[in-house]
Amino acid sequence: MTGDHLQIVVCGAGPAADVTQLVRAAHDRAWTAAVTATPNAMNFIEPETIESLTGQPVRSTYRSSPGARRSLPAADALIVAPATYNSINKIALGLADNYAMTSVAELIGRQVPTVIVPFVNAALAGRLPFRRAVASLRHEGVRVLLGPEEQWEPHPPGGGDERQRVFPWANAFEVAAKCAHEVRVSAAGQQ
């Protein structure tokens, strides 16, 4: 696959510091990538490093500077990772209170293949609002990598540092690429 574009949204959690692994996974398969960060994620990432890899500015506000291009390249897939408890609940409810959440809401609305990789502890993941949010997103066609079937489980409270080291960046990309491919095949079959 060549010419595909991956939109990445990072949220404010430990694995965000390693988002370059996802960018490199995309580049290894000849995809381009751009990163959008929630306001809290800006405290976890190194924008200059990401920008040098992607050739795109890291976006976290509606307009980065006067005269800057307002829109991103058309996305073939979206990955939201790491997705926090708060962001997953917002996405499921359709809340768009910052640039990153607005981007996610619009891309899901455009039916761009979307993969969300939660980074939450078991106490938060066990809450009814979170379980409802995951179910709602899955019902809408969003692939949420969570649970035994996805081989990614919530970590114990206080165990985030250990889980950060094994965050499934490569798997998230493979799932997103497969979903994008299936959409293309389906669209070609309908023509």
Protein backbone atom coordinates (compact mmCIF):
# COMPACT_ATOMS: atom_id res chain seq x y z
CA MET A 1 0.00 0.00 0.00
CA THR A 2 1.32 3.39 -0.90
CA GLY A 3 -0.14 6.84 -0.75
CA ASP A 4 -2.18 6.13 2.38
CA HIS A 5 -2.38 8.66 5.19
CA LEU A 6 -2.72 7.91 8.89
CA GLN A 7 -4.11 10.53 11.21
CA ILE A 8 -2.95 9.99 14.79
CA VAL A 9 -4.53 11.60 17.85
CA VAL A 10 -2.60 11.31 21.09
CA CYS A 11 -4.09 11.92 24.51
CA GLY A 12 -2.36 12.83 27.78
CA ALA A 13 -1.03 9.50 29.03
CA GLY A 14 2.44 7.99 29.43
CA PRO A 15 2.59 6.08 26.12
CA ALA A 16 2.10 9.34 24.19
CA ALA A 17 5.83 9.94 24.63
CA ASP A 18 6.42 6.95 22.35
CA VAL A 19 4.03 7.91 19.51
CA THR A 20 7.01 8.02 17.15
CA GLN A 21 6.82 4.20 17.17
CA LEU A 22 3.42 4.47 15.48
CA VAL A 23 4.70 7.04 12.98
CA ARG A 24 7.60 4.73 12.10
CA ALA A 25 5.26 1.73 11.73
CA ALA A 26 3.23 3.76 9.23
CA HIS A 27 6.33 4.90 7.36
CA ASP A 28 7.58 1.30 7.18
CA ARG A 29 4.45 0.52 5.13
CA ALA A 30 4.78 3.65 2.95
CA TRP A 31 2.02 5.55 4.75
CA THR A 32 2.30 9.21 5.63
CA ALA A 33 1.26 10.31 9.10
CA ALA A 34 0.30 13.42 11.00
CA VAL A 35 -0.17 13.84 14.74
CA THR A 36 -2.80 15.84 16.56
CA ALA A 37 -2.50 16.15 20.33
CA THR A 38 -5.03 16.92 23.02
CA PRO A 39 -3.98 19.89 25.15
CA ASN A 40 -2.87 17.53 27.95
CA ALA A 41 -0.89 15.34 25.53
CA MET A 42 1.39 18.28 24.72
CA ASN A 43 2.98 17.69 28.14
CA PHE A 44 3.95 14.13 27.13
CA ILE A 45 5.29 14.50 23.60
CA GLU A 46 8.21 16.17 21.82
CA PRO A 47 6.56 18.05 18.95
CA GLU A 48 9.83 18.85 17.18
CA THR A 49 10.80 15.17 16.96
CA ILE A 50 7.38 14.21 15.67
CA GLU A 51 7.35 17.04 13.15
CA SER A 52 10.75 16.05 11.81
CA LEU A 53 9.44 12.51 11.24
CA THR A 54 6.08 13.43 9.74
CA GLY A 55 6.90 16.63 7.89
CA GLN A 56 3.68 17.99 9.40
CA PRO A 57 3.15 20.29 12.37
CA VAL A 58 1.74 18.71 15.52
CA ARG A 59 -1.69 20.26 15.81
CA SER A 60 -3.31 20.93 19.17
CA THR A 61 -5.32 24.05 18.45
CA TYR A 62 -7.68 25.08 15.70
CA ARG A 63 -5.09 27.23 13.97
CA SER A 64 -1.41 26.84 14.72
CA SER A 65 -0.36 30.15 13.19
CA PRO A 66 -1.68 32.81 10.82
CA GLY A 67 -1.47 31.61 7.24
CA ALA A 68 -1.01 27.98 8.25
CA ARG A 69 -2.88 25.38 6.25
CA ARG A 70 -6.17 24.77 8.00
CA SER A 71 -6.85 21.20 7.00
CA LEU A 72 -4.90 17.98 7.19
CA PRO A 73 -4.42 15.52 4.34
CA ALA A 74 -7.40 13.24 3.74
CA ALA A 75 -7.12 10.38 6.22
CA ASP A 76 -7.32 6.75 5.17
CA ALA A 77 -7.32 5.70 8.83
CA LEU A 78 -7.39 7.25 12.28
CA ILE A 79 -5.71 5.92 15.40
CA VAL A 80 -6.45 7.46 18.80
CA ALA A 81 -3.68 6.24 21.08
CA PRO A 82 -3.12 6.31 23.91
CA ALA A 83 -6.76 7.07 24.57
CA THR A 84 -7.55 8.13 28.12
CA TYR A 85 -10.63 7.39 30.16
CA ASN A 86 -11.75 10.99 29.73
CA SER A 87 -11.16 11.10 25.96
CA ILE A 88 -12.94 7.80 25.31
CA ASN A 89 -15.98 9.01 27.21
CA LYS A 90 -15.90 12.32 25.30
CA ILE A 91 -15.59 10.62 21.92
CA ALA A 92 -18.51 8.29 22.66
CA LEU A 93 -20.69 11.22 23.71
CA GLY A 94 -19.67 13.29 20.69
CA LEU A 95 -18.09 16.01 22.82
CA ALA A 96 -15.74 18.19 20.83
CA ASP A 97 -14.26 20.61 23.36
CA ASN A 98 -10.81 20.86 21.77
CA TYR A 99 -9.24 20.53 18.33
CA ALA A 100 -8.26 16.88 18.79
CA MET A 101 -11.74 15.80 19.88
CA THR A 102 -13.34 17.78 17.06
CA SER A 103 -11.01 16.07 14.57
CA VAL A 104 -11.89 12.63 15.95
CA ALA A 105 -15.62 13.37 15.88
CA GLU A 106 -15.45 14.55 12.28
CA LEU A 107 -13.32 11.65 11.04
CA ILE A 108 -15.63 9.10 12.66
CA GLY A 109 -18.56 10.98 11.11
CA ARG A 110 -16.86 10.70 7.71
CA GLN A 111 -16.59 6.96 8.35
CA VAL A 112 -12.80 6.95 8.27
CA PRO A 113 -11.66 3.59 9.68
CA THR A 114 -10.90 4.33 13.33
CA VAL A 115 -8.91 2.40 15.90
CA ILE A 116 -8.83 3.44 19.56
CA VAL A 117 -6.27 2.01 21.97
CA PRO A 118 -7.24 2.77 25.58
CA PHE A 119 -4.64 3.33 28.26
CA VAL A 120 -6.70 3.07 31.43
CA ASN A 121 -6.42 1.27 34.72
CA ALA A 122 -8.77 -1.52 35.69
CA ALA A 123 -10.65 0.62 38.23
CA LEU A 124 -11.56 3.17 35.56
CA ALA A 125 -12.23 0.52 32.91
CA GLY A 126 -14.68 -1.17 35.25
CA ARG A 127 -16.84 1.93 35.57
CA LEU A 128 -20.22 1.75 33.86
CA PRO A 129 -19.74 5.03 31.95
CA PHE A 130 -16.53 3.68 30.41
CA ARG A 131 -18.03 0.30 29.53
CA ARG A 132 -20.98 2.08 27.89
CA ALA A 133 -18.63 4.36 25.96
CA VAL A 134 -16.65 1.41 24.59
CA ALA A 135 -19.86 -0.41 23.63
CA SER A 136 -21.24 2.72 21.96
CA LEU A 137 -18.07 3.28 19.94
CA ARG A 138 -17.99 -0.35 18.83
CA HIS A 139 -21.65 -0.11 17.82
CA GLU A 140 -20.72 2.89 15.67
CA GLY A 141 -18.05 0.85 13.90
CA VAL A 142 -15.01 2.09 15.80
CA ARG A 143 -12.47 -0.63 16.56
CA VAL A 144 -11.57 -0.38 20.27
CA LEU A 145 -8.53 -2.51 21.08
CA LEU A 146 -9.53 -3.60 24.57
CA GLY A 147 -10.18 -6.98 26.14
CA PRO A 148 -8.88 -10.53 25.81
CA GLU A 149 -9.92 -10.83 22.16
CA GLU A 150 -7.81 -7.75 21.36
CA GLN A 151 -4.92 -8.90 23.58
CA TRP A 152 -4.85 -5.58 25.41
CA GLU A 153 -6.16 -5.27 28.94
CA PRO A 154 -6.39 -2.40 31.42
CA HIS A 155 -3.49 -2.21 33.82
CA PRO A 156 -3.81 -2.41 37.60
CA PRO A 157 -4.12 0.98 39.32
CA GLY A 158 -0.59 2.29 39.68
CA GLY A 159 0.73 -0.15 37.05
CA GLY A 160 0.80 2.18 34.07
CA ASP A 161 4.58 2.42 33.85
CA GLU A 162 4.93 -1.31 33.23
CA ARG A 163 2.14 -1.36 30.63
CA GLN A 164 3.55 1.67 28.84
CA ARG A 165 6.59 -0.38 27.81
CA VAL A 166 4.41 -2.87 25.91
CA PHE A 167 1.86 -0.46 24.44
CA PRO A 168 0.59 -2.06 21.18
CA TRP A 169 1.68 0.58 18.67
CA ALA A 170 2.50 -1.88 15.87
CA ASN A 171 -0.71 -3.85 16.38
CA ALA A 172 -2.76 -0.65 16.30
CA PHE A 173 -1.25 0.25 12.94
CA GLU A 174 -1.78 -3.23 11.51
CA VAL A 175 -5.45 -3.19 12.55
CA ALA A 176 -5.95 0.32 11.10
CA ALA A 177 -4.24 -0.62 7.83
CA LYS A 178 -6.39 -3.75 7.54
CA CYS A 179 -9.58 -1.75 8.21
CA ALA A 180 -8.59 0.84 5.59
CA HIS A 181 -7.89 -1.93 3.07
CA GLU A 182 -11.30 -3.53 3.75
CA VAL A 183 -13.04 -0.18 3.18
CA ARG A 184 -11.22 0.26 -0.16
CA VAL A 185 -12.11 -3.27 -1.28
CA SER A 186 -15.73 -2.78 -0.27
CA ALA A 187 -15.94 0.57 -2.08
CA ALA A 188 -14.37 -0.94 -5.22
CA GLY A 189 -16.88 -3.79 -5.12
CA GLN A 190 -19.79 -1.35 -5.01
CA GLN A 191 -18.70 0.46 -8.17
